[in-house]
Amino acid sequence: MSTRQRLVVSVLLGGGIGLLILAALARGGGDTDITVTGNPAIDALIPEREAEILRRDRVGIDLADGYAASLTLEAGGLSLDVPNDQLDSALQALGQYTYKPEDGKILPFFPPQSNCVVATYWPVDDRDDVQSIRWCFNVL
């Protein structure tokens, strides 16, 4: 291979790598929802805003240490407060307050449309400092 050919191949490879890096930076590499990324209490929404999920997928919120939450589901034109005993207690130890639709629960499945969750959360040492966040997702 001539020096000129090596130079052309090197420039093309370098340009390709540069484009991959730019694409990764433009994507942002994660959730850019300012109400989540700018909030020290919230680690993640489950699922993210406008995500597509199945009818019996888990929904909820992942909170930082020292916070607790309750959930309200907005599905099929109804607003349903999730009883504490229907939240996944095993995940609460990890700061995740989630609900999984099942037979015998307040909602056996999500209707195939846009549904929403309202998470009301507070620091465990200050129950009066209550905040909430609402997000929606699509059910297939």
N, C-alpha and C. Protein backbone atom coordinates (compact mmCIF):
# COMPACT_ATOMS: atom_id res chain seq x y z
N MET A 1 0.84 -1.16 0.00
CA MET A 1 0.00 0.00 0.00
C MET A 1 0.89 1.23 0.00
N SER A 2 0.54 2.19 -0.84
CA SER A 2 1.36 3.40 -0.95
C SER A 2 1.09 4.33 0.23
N THR A 3 1.97 5.30 0.41
CA THR A 3 1.82 6.27 1.49
C THR A 3 0.52 7.06 1.32
N ARG A 4 0.19 7.39 0.11
CA ARG A 4 -1.05 8.13 -0.15
C ARG A 4 -2.28 7.30 0.25
N GLN A 5 -2.27 6.02 -0.10
CA GLN A 5 -3.40 5.15 0.25
C GLN A 5 -3.52 5.02 1.78
N ARG A 6 -2.39 4.89 2.45
CA ARG A 6 -2.41 4.80 3.91
C ARG A 6 -2.98 6.08 4.53
N LEU A 7 -2.61 7.21 3.98
CA LEU A 7 -3.11 8.49 4.47
C LEU A 7 -4.62 8.59 4.28
N VAL A 8 -5.12 8.20 3.11
CA VAL A 8 -6.57 8.25 2.84
C VAL A 8 -7.32 7.31 3.79
N VAL A 9 -6.82 6.09 3.98
CA VAL A 9 -7.47 5.14 4.88
C VAL A 9 -7.45 5.68 6.31
N SER A 10 -6.36 6.26 6.75
CA SER A 10 -6.26 6.83 8.10
C SER A 10 -7.25 7.97 8.30
N VAL A 11 -7.37 8.85 7.31
CA VAL A 11 -8.30 9.97 7.40
C VAL A 11 -9.74 9.46 7.46
N LEU A 12 -10.07 8.47 6.63
CA LEU A 12 -11.42 7.91 6.63
C LEU A 12 -11.75 7.23 7.97
N LEU A 13 -10.81 6.46 8.49
CA LEU A 13 -11.03 5.82 9.80
C LEU A 13 -11.18 6.85 10.91
N GLY A 14 -10.34 7.86 10.89
CA GLY A 14 -10.42 8.92 11.90
C GLY A 14 -11.75 9.66 11.81
N GLY A 15 -12.17 9.94 10.60
CA GLY A 15 -13.46 10.62 10.41
C GLY A 15 -14.61 9.76 10.89
N GLY A 16 -14.57 8.47 10.62
CA GLY A 16 -15.62 7.56 11.08
C GLY A 16 -15.69 7.50 12.59
N ILE A 17 -14.55 7.42 13.23
CA ILE A 17 -14.50 7.40 14.69
C ILE A 17 -15.03 8.72 15.25
N GLY A 18 -14.66 9.82 14.61
CA GLY A 18 -15.15 11.14 15.04
C GLY A 18 -16.67 11.22 14.94
N LEU A 19 -17.24 10.70 13.86
CA LEU A 19 -18.69 10.71 13.70
C LEU A 19 -19.38 9.86 14.77
N LEU A 20 -18.80 8.72 15.11
CA LEU A 20 -19.37 7.89 16.17
C LEU A 20 -19.37 8.62 17.52
N ILE A 21 -18.29 9.31 17.80
CA ILE A 21 -18.19 10.07 19.05
C ILE A 21 -19.23 11.20 19.07
N LEU A 22 -19.37 11.92 17.97
CA LEU A 22 -20.36 12.99 17.89
C LEU A 22 -21.78 12.45 18.05
N ALA A 23 -22.07 11.30 17.46
CA ALA A 23 -23.39 10.71 17.59
C ALA A 23 -23.67 10.34 19.04
N ALA A 24 -22.70 9.79 19.72
CA ALA A 24 -22.89 9.42 21.13
C ALA A 24 -23.10 10.66 22.00
N LEU A 25 -22.36 11.73 21.73
CA LEU A 25 -22.53 12.95 22.49
C LEU A 25 -23.88 13.60 22.22
N ALA A 26 -24.32 13.58 20.98
CA ALA A 26 -25.60 14.19 20.62
C ALA A 26 -26.76 13.44 21.28
N ARG A 27 -26.64 12.14 21.40
CA ARG A 27 -27.69 11.34 22.03
C ARG A 27 -27.81 11.66 23.51
N GLY A 28 -26.74 12.05 24.15
CA GLY A 28 -26.78 12.43 25.55
C GLY A 28 -26.52 11.28 26.50
N GLY A 29 -26.61 10.07 26.04
CA GLY A 29 -26.26 8.92 26.86
C GLY A 29 -27.21 8.62 28.00
N GLY A 30 -28.42 9.18 28.01
CA GLY A 30 -29.32 8.86 29.10
C GLY A 30 -30.51 9.79 29.15
N ASP A 31 -31.19 9.75 30.28
CA ASP A 31 -32.40 10.52 30.48
C ASP A 31 -32.05 12.00 30.59
N THR A 32 -32.63 12.83 29.72
CA THR A 32 -32.38 14.26 29.78
C THR A 32 -33.59 15.01 30.32
N ASP A 33 -34.50 14.31 30.97
CA ASP A 33 -35.68 14.90 31.58
C ASP A 33 -35.20 15.72 32.79
N ILE A 34 -35.28 17.05 32.67
CA ILE A 34 -34.75 17.92 33.71
C ILE A 34 -35.43 17.69 35.06
N THR A 35 -36.70 17.29 35.05
CA THR A 35 -37.38 17.04 36.32
C THR A 35 -36.82 15.82 37.02
N VAL A 36 -36.10 14.98 36.30
CA VAL A 36 -35.45 13.81 36.90
C VAL A 36 -33.98 14.11 37.13
N THR A 37 -33.26 14.52 36.10
CA THR A 37 -31.82 14.74 36.23
C THR A 37 -31.50 15.90 37.17
N GLY A 38 -32.41 16.86 37.29
CA GLY A 38 -32.17 18.00 38.17
C GLY A 38 -32.73 17.81 39.57
N ASN A 39 -33.23 16.63 39.87
CA ASN A 39 -33.87 16.38 41.15
C ASN A 39 -33.06 15.35 41.94
N PRO A 40 -32.46 15.75 43.06
CA PRO A 40 -31.62 14.81 43.81
C PRO A 40 -32.41 13.67 44.46
N ALA A 41 -33.74 13.79 44.56
CA ALA A 41 -34.54 12.74 45.18
C ALA A 41 -34.84 11.60 44.21
N ILE A 42 -34.84 11.89 42.90
CA ILE A 42 -35.27 10.90 41.91
C ILE A 42 -34.08 10.33 41.15
N ASP A 43 -33.95 9.00 41.20
CA ASP A 43 -32.92 8.33 40.41
C ASP A 43 -33.44 7.97 39.03
N ALA A 44 -34.70 7.54 38.93
CA ALA A 44 -35.26 7.16 37.62
C ALA A 44 -36.76 7.00 37.70
N LEU A 45 -37.41 7.18 36.55
CA LEU A 45 -38.82 6.87 36.39
C LEU A 45 -38.91 5.50 35.73
N ILE A 46 -39.85 4.70 36.15
CA ILE A 46 -40.00 3.34 35.62
C ILE A 46 -41.40 3.20 35.05
N PRO A 47 -41.57 3.16 33.73
CA PRO A 47 -40.59 3.38 32.67
C PRO A 47 -40.34 4.87 32.48
N GLU A 48 -39.41 5.20 31.59
CA GLU A 48 -39.17 6.60 31.27
C GLU A 48 -40.40 7.19 30.60
N ARG A 49 -40.46 8.52 30.56
CA ARG A 49 -41.58 9.20 29.90
C ARG A 49 -41.73 8.71 28.46
N GLU A 50 -42.97 8.49 28.06
CA GLU A 50 -43.35 8.11 26.70
C GLU A 50 -42.79 6.76 26.24
N ALA A 51 -42.30 5.96 27.16
CA ALA A 51 -41.81 4.62 26.80
C ALA A 51 -42.99 3.74 26.40
N GLU A 52 -42.71 2.66 25.70
CA GLU A 52 -43.72 1.68 25.35
C GLU A 52 -43.51 0.46 26.23
N ILE A 53 -44.59 0.01 26.87
CA ILE A 53 -44.50 -1.14 27.76
C ILE A 53 -45.60 -2.14 27.42
N LEU A 54 -45.52 -3.30 28.02
CA LEU A 54 -46.56 -4.32 27.88
C LEU A 54 -47.63 -4.12 28.96
N ARG A 55 -48.75 -4.77 28.81
CA ARG A 55 -49.91 -4.55 29.69
C ARG A 55 -49.68 -4.89 31.15
N ARG A 56 -48.72 -5.76 31.43
CA ARG A 56 -48.45 -6.13 32.83
C ARG A 56 -47.03 -5.81 33.27
N ASP A 57 -46.43 -4.82 32.63
CA ASP A 57 -45.09 -4.40 33.03
C ASP A 57 -45.15 -3.58 34.32
N ARG A 58 -44.04 -3.57 35.03
CA ARG A 58 -43.91 -2.85 36.29
C ARG A 58 -43.73 -1.35 36.01
N VAL A 59 -44.38 -0.51 36.85
CA VAL A 59 -44.21 0.94 36.77
C VAL A 59 -43.91 1.48 38.16
N GLY A 60 -43.26 2.62 38.22
CA GLY A 60 -42.97 3.21 39.52
C GLY A 60 -41.85 4.21 39.45
N ILE A 61 -41.22 4.40 40.58
CA ILE A 61 -40.16 5.40 40.70
C ILE A 61 -39.01 4.82 41.52
N ASP A 62 -37.80 5.19 41.13
CA ASP A 62 -36.59 4.79 41.85
C ASP A 62 -36.08 6.06 42.54
N LEU A 63 -36.06 6.03 43.85
CA LEU A 63 -35.69 7.21 44.63
C LEU A 63 -34.31 7.07 45.26
N ALA A 64 -33.73 8.21 45.57
CA ALA A 64 -32.46 8.23 46.29
C ALA A 64 -32.68 7.72 47.71
N ASP A 65 -31.61 7.33 48.37
CA ASP A 65 -31.70 6.88 49.76
C ASP A 65 -32.34 7.96 50.62
N GLY A 66 -33.20 7.54 51.53
CA GLY A 66 -33.81 8.48 52.46
C GLY A 66 -35.14 9.05 52.01
N TYR A 67 -35.70 8.52 50.92
CA TYR A 67 -37.00 8.98 50.43
C TYR A 67 -37.98 7.82 50.37
N ALA A 68 -39.26 8.15 50.52
CA ALA A 68 -40.34 7.17 50.39
C ALA A 68 -41.37 7.73 49.41
N ALA A 69 -42.27 6.87 48.93
CA ALA A 69 -43.24 7.32 47.92
C ALA A 69 -44.53 6.55 48.00
N SER A 70 -45.55 7.14 47.40
CA SER A 70 -46.80 6.46 47.12
C SER A 70 -47.11 6.70 45.64
N LEU A 71 -47.94 5.82 45.05
CA LEU A 71 -48.22 5.91 43.61
C LEU A 71 -49.72 6.03 43.36
N THR A 72 -50.05 6.79 42.34
CA THR A 72 -51.41 6.87 41.81
C THR A 72 -51.33 6.55 40.33
N LEU A 73 -52.17 5.64 39.87
CA LEU A 73 -52.21 5.26 38.46
C LEU A 73 -53.35 6.00 37.77
N GLU A 74 -53.09 6.50 36.58
CA GLU A 74 -54.12 7.11 35.75
C GLU A 74 -54.24 6.24 34.51
N ALA A 75 -55.28 5.40 34.50
CA ALA A 75 -55.42 4.41 33.43
C ALA A 75 -56.90 4.25 33.08
N GLY A 76 -57.18 4.24 31.79
CA GLY A 76 -58.55 4.00 31.35
C GLY A 76 -59.54 5.01 31.87
N GLY A 77 -59.11 6.26 32.06
CA GLY A 77 -60.00 7.30 32.57
C GLY A 77 -60.18 7.28 34.08
N LEU A 78 -59.49 6.39 34.78
CA LEU A 78 -59.59 6.28 36.23
C LEU A 78 -58.32 6.80 36.90
N SER A 79 -58.46 7.28 38.11
CA SER A 79 -57.32 7.66 38.93
C SER A 79 -57.36 6.75 40.16
N LEU A 80 -56.36 5.87 40.28
CA LEU A 80 -56.36 4.83 41.30
C LEU A 80 -55.14 4.95 42.22
N ASP A 81 -55.39 5.20 43.51
CA ASP A 81 -54.29 5.19 44.48
C ASP A 81 -53.89 3.74 44.73
N VAL A 82 -52.61 3.46 44.62
CA VAL A 82 -52.12 2.10 44.83
C VAL A 82 -51.96 1.86 46.34
N PRO A 83 -52.68 0.87 46.87
CA PRO A 83 -52.49 0.55 48.30
C PRO A 83 -51.05 0.11 48.56
N ASN A 84 -50.54 0.47 49.73
CA ASN A 84 -49.15 0.11 50.07
C ASN A 84 -48.89 -1.37 49.96
N ASP A 85 -49.88 -2.21 50.29
CA ASP A 85 -49.64 -3.65 50.24
C ASP A 85 -49.61 -4.19 48.81
N GLN A 86 -49.89 -3.35 47.81
CA GLN A 86 -49.79 -3.77 46.41
C GLN A 86 -48.52 -3.26 45.74
N LEU A 87 -47.71 -2.47 46.46
CA LEU A 87 -46.39 -2.08 45.97
C LEU A 87 -45.44 -3.24 46.22
N ASP A 88 -44.43 -3.37 45.38
CA ASP A 88 -43.46 -4.46 45.52
C ASP A 88 -42.55 -4.19 46.71
N SER A 89 -42.83 -4.82 47.83
CA SER A 89 -42.09 -4.56 49.07
C SER A 89 -40.62 -4.96 48.98
N ALA A 90 -40.30 -5.97 48.18
CA ALA A 90 -38.90 -6.39 48.05
C ALA A 90 -38.05 -5.30 47.41
N LEU A 91 -38.63 -4.53 46.50
CA LEU A 91 -37.87 -3.47 45.83
C LEU A 91 -37.80 -2.18 46.64
N GLN A 92 -38.69 -2.02 47.60
CA GLN A 92 -38.67 -0.80 48.42
C GLN A 92 -37.38 -0.68 49.20
N ALA A 93 -36.79 -1.80 49.58
CA ALA A 93 -35.50 -1.77 50.28
C ALA A 93 -34.41 -1.14 49.41
N LEU A 94 -34.62 -1.17 48.08
CA LEU A 94 -33.67 -0.57 47.15
C LEU A 94 -34.08 0.84 46.74
N GLY A 95 -35.15 1.36 47.35
CA GLY A 95 -35.63 2.69 47.02
C GLY A 95 -36.56 2.73 45.82
N GLN A 96 -37.01 1.57 45.36
CA GLN A 96 -37.92 1.51 44.22
C GLN A 96 -39.33 1.25 44.69
N TYR A 97 -40.22 2.15 44.35
CA TYR A 97 -41.63 2.02 44.69
C TYR A 97 -42.36 1.70 43.39
N THR A 98 -42.71 0.43 43.23
CA THR A 98 -43.24 -0.03 41.95
C THR A 98 -44.53 -0.82 42.13
N TYR A 99 -45.29 -0.83 41.04
CA TYR A 99 -46.55 -1.58 40.98
C TYR A 99 -46.52 -2.44 39.73
N LYS A 100 -46.91 -3.69 39.88
CA LYS A 100 -47.01 -4.61 38.75
C LYS A 100 -48.44 -5.11 38.69
N PRO A 101 -49.16 -4.79 37.59
CA PRO A 101 -50.55 -5.24 37.48
C PRO A 101 -50.64 -6.76 37.52
N GLU A 102 -51.62 -7.24 38.28
CA GLU A 102 -51.88 -8.68 38.38
C GLU A 102 -53.34 -8.88 38.74
N ASP A 103 -53.86 -10.07 38.50
CA ASP A 103 -55.22 -10.39 38.92
C ASP A 103 -55.31 -10.23 40.44
N GLY A 104 -56.42 -9.66 40.89
CA GLY A 104 -56.63 -9.46 42.32
C GLY A 104 -56.12 -8.13 42.83
N LYS A 105 -55.42 -7.36 42.00
CA LYS A 105 -54.95 -6.03 42.39
C LYS A 105 -55.90 -4.97 41.84
N ILE A 106 -55.67 -3.70 42.22
CA ILE A 106 -56.58 -2.64 41.79
C ILE A 106 -56.66 -2.51 40.28
N LEU A 107 -55.61 -2.92 39.59
CA LEU A 107 -55.58 -2.89 38.13
C LEU A 107 -54.90 -4.17 37.66
N PRO A 108 -55.66 -5.08 37.03
CA PRO A 108 -55.06 -6.35 36.62
C PRO A 108 -54.13 -6.22 35.41
N PHE A 109 -54.33 -5.17 34.61
CA PHE A 109 -53.46 -4.88 33.47
C PHE A 109 -53.71 -3.45 33.03
N PHE A 110 -52.72 -2.86 32.35
CA PHE A 110 -52.89 -1.52 31.81
C PHE A 110 -53.64 -1.60 30.49
N PRO A 111 -54.63 -0.71 30.27
CA PRO A 111 -55.30 -0.70 28.97
C PRO A 111 -54.34 -0.25 27.88
N PRO A 112 -54.50 -0.77 26.66
CA PRO A 112 -53.59 -0.43 25.56
C PRO A 112 -53.83 0.99 25.04
N GLN A 113 -53.22 1.94 25.71
CA GLN A 113 -53.33 3.36 25.38
C GLN A 113 -52.29 4.10 26.19
N SER A 114 -52.37 5.41 26.22
CA SER A 114 -51.49 6.20 27.08
C SER A 114 -52.00 6.10 28.51
N ASN A 115 -51.12 5.77 29.44
CA ASN A 115 -51.42 5.68 30.87
C ASN A 115 -50.38 6.54 31.60
N CYS A 116 -50.70 6.95 32.82
CA CYS A 116 -49.79 7.81 33.56
C CYS A 116 -49.63 7.32 35.00
N VAL A 117 -48.56 7.77 35.62
CA VAL A 117 -48.29 7.51 37.04
C VAL A 117 -48.02 8.86 37.70
N VAL A 118 -48.56 9.04 38.88
CA VAL A 118 -48.20 10.17 39.73
C VAL A 118 -47.51 9.58 40.95
N ALA A 119 -46.26 9.95 41.15
CA ALA A 119 -45.53 9.50 42.33
C ALA A 119 -45.45 10.68 43.29
N THR A 120 -45.94 10.47 44.49
CA THR A 120 -45.83 11.46 45.55
C THR A 120 -44.71 10.97 46.45
N TYR A 121 -43.71 11.81 46.70
CA TYR A 121 -42.54 11.35 47.45
C TYR A 121 -42.13 12.40 48.49
N TRP A 122 -41.38 11.93 49.50
CA TRP A 122 -40.99 12.78 50.61
C TRP A 122 -39.76 12.19 51.28
N PRO A 123 -38.98 13.05 51.96
CA PRO A 123 -37.87 12.52 52.77
C PRO A 123 -38.45 11.77 53.97
N VAL A 124 -37.87 10.64 54.30
CA VAL A 124 -38.42 9.84 55.40
C VAL A 124 -38.33 10.58 56.73
N ASP A 125 -37.41 11.53 56.86
CA ASP A 125 -37.29 12.27 58.11
C ASP A 125 -38.09 13.58 58.13
N ASP A 126 -38.84 13.87 57.05
CA ASP A 126 -39.66 15.08 57.00
C ASP A 126 -40.88 14.84 56.12
N ARG A 127 -41.86 14.16 56.69
CA ARG A 127 -43.08 13.76 55.95
C ARG A 127 -43.86 14.96 55.42
N ASP A 128 -43.59 16.17 55.92
CA ASP A 128 -44.30 17.37 55.46
C ASP A 128 -43.72 17.95 54.18
N ASP A 129 -42.53 17.54 53.79
CA ASP A 129 -41.87 18.05 52.57
C ASP A 129 -42.25 17.16 51.38
N VAL A 130 -43.53 17.20 51.01
CA VAL A 130 -44.07 16.32 49.98
C VAL A 130 -43.98 16.97 48.61
N GLN A 131 -43.54 16.18 47.62
CA GLN A 131 -43.49 16.62 46.23
C GLN A 131 -44.10 15.52 45.37
N SER A 132 -44.39 15.84 44.12
CA SER A 132 -44.91 14.81 43.23
C SER A 132 -44.39 15.03 41.81
N ILE A 133 -44.44 13.96 41.05
CA ILE A 133 -44.04 14.00 39.65
C ILE A 133 -45.01 13.09 38.88
N ARG A 134 -45.37 13.54 37.68
CA ARG A 134 -46.31 12.79 36.84
C ARG A 134 -45.64 12.52 35.51
N TRP A 135 -45.79 11.30 35.02
CA TRP A 135 -45.29 10.97 33.70
C TRP A 135 -46.19 9.93 33.06
N CYS A 136 -46.15 9.87 31.74
CA CYS A 136 -47.02 8.96 31.00
C CYS A 136 -46.20 8.02 30.13
N PHE A 137 -46.82 6.90 29.78
CA PHE A 137 -46.20 5.88 28.95
C PHE A 137 -47.28 5.26 28.10
N ASN A 138 -46.88 4.56 27.08
CA ASN A 138 -47.82 3.93 26.15
C ASN A 138 -47.80 2.43 26.33
N VAL A 139 -48.99 1.83 26.35
CA VAL A 139 -49.11 0.39 26.53
C VAL A 139 -49.45 -0.22 25.17
N LEU A 140 -48.68 -1.24 24.80
CA LEU A 140 -48.89 -1.90 23.51
C LEU A 140 -50.04 -2.88 23.57
